[in-house]
C-alpha cells in the first residue's frame, strides 16, 4: 500500500518538476532582449526577476521532494 502511494506521489512530483523547469526563462533570453530592445522598464525587469525567483524556489523544493520519494521507493522495493 505504501509503495503505491509513494509511486503516485513520485509520478506527480516528476510531472510538476518538468512543468516548473519548462516555465523558467532561459539565461540567454536577456541577451536577445537587449539586442531586440525588449521592455526595459523598471516594472518589467522586476516582474521577470520575481517570477524567475519564485520558479527557481519551487524547482528546488520539488526537486528535493522528488529525491526523497526516489530514496523512499528504493527502500520500499
Protein backbone atom coordinates (compact mmCIF):
# COMPACT_ATOMS: atom_id res chain seq x y z
CA UNK A 1 0.00 0.00 0.00
CA UNK A 2 2.75 2.47 0.93
CA UNK A 3 4.66 1.58 -2.21
CA UNK A 4 1.68 2.51 -4.38
CA UNK A 5 1.16 5.81 -2.56
CA UNK A 6 4.82 6.77 -2.88
CA UNK A 7 4.81 5.81 -6.58
CA UNK A 8 1.81 8.06 -7.24
CA UNK A 9 3.42 10.94 -5.34
CA UNK A 10 6.67 10.35 -7.24
CA UNK A 11 4.86 10.46 -10.59
CA UNK A 12 3.04 13.67 -9.67
CA UNK A 13 6.27 15.28 -8.48
CA UNK A 14 8.05 14.33 -11.69
CA UNK A 15 5.33 15.97 -13.79
CA UNK A 16 5.38 19.10 -11.61
CA UNK A 17 9.17 19.26 -11.86
CA UNK A 18 9.04 19.07 -15.64
CA UNK A 19 6.44 21.84 -15.83
CA UNK A 20 8.27 24.14 -13.40
CA UNK A 21 11.57 23.74 -15.25
CA UNK A 22 9.94 24.40 -18.62
CA UNK A 23 8.24 27.56 -17.30
CA UNK A 24 11.57 29.15 -16.38
CA UNK A 25 13.06 31.60 -18.82
CA UNK A 26 16.46 30.79 -20.19
CA UNK A 27 19.54 32.79 -19.31
CA UNK A 28 20.08 33.67 -22.99
CA UNK A 29 16.74 35.47 -23.10
CA UNK A 30 18.30 38.56 -21.55
CA UNK A 31 20.77 38.84 -24.41
CA UNK A 32 18.06 38.62 -27.08
CA UNK A 33 16.00 41.18 -25.21
CA UNK A 34 18.95 43.57 -25.14
CA UNK A 35 19.56 43.17 -28.87
CA UNK A 36 15.91 43.31 -29.89
CA UNK A 37 15.17 46.18 -27.50
CA UNK A 38 12.77 44.36 -25.22
CA UNK A 39 10.86 46.04 -22.44
CA UNK A 40 13.41 47.93 -20.43
CA UNK A 41 11.02 49.42 -17.92
CA UNK A 42 11.62 49.15 -14.21
CA UNK A 43 8.45 47.17 -13.56
CA UNK A 44 9.07 44.79 -16.44
CA UNK A 45 12.51 43.90 -15.13
CA UNK A 46 11.41 43.37 -11.54
CA UNK A 47 8.37 41.35 -12.58
CA UNK A 48 10.57 38.97 -14.54
CA UNK A 49 13.01 38.61 -11.69
CA UNK A 50 10.37 37.84 -9.13
CA UNK A 51 8.67 35.25 -11.34
CA UNK A 52 12.04 33.64 -12.07
CA UNK A 53 12.90 33.70 -8.37
CA UNK A 54 9.61 32.03 -7.45
CA UNK A 55 10.04 29.38 -10.13
CA UNK A 56 13.62 28.78 -9.02
CA UNK A 57 12.50 28.29 -5.42
CA UNK A 58 9.73 25.90 -6.45
CA UNK A 59 12.18 23.97 -8.61
CA UNK A 60 14.40 23.43 -5.59
CA UNK A 61 11.51 22.36 -3.36
CA UNK A 62 10.05 19.95 -5.90
CA UNK A 63 13.49 18.53 -6.76
CA UNK A 64 14.21 17.80 -3.09
CA UNK A 65 10.80 16.16 -2.68
CA UNK A 66 11.46 14.12 -5.84
CA UNK A 67 14.79 12.99 -4.41
CA UNK A 68 13.16 11.99 -1.11
CA UNK A 69 10.50 9.94 -2.88
CA UNK A 70 13.21 8.31 -5.02
CA UNK A 71 15.06 7.19 -1.89
CA UNK A 72 11.79 6.05 -0.30
CA UNK A 73 10.97 3.98 -3.39
CA UNK A 74 14.42 2.41 -3.21
CA UNK A 75 13.95 1.34 0.39
CA UNK A 76 10.34 0.21 -0.06
CA UNK A 77 11.01 -2.01 -3.06
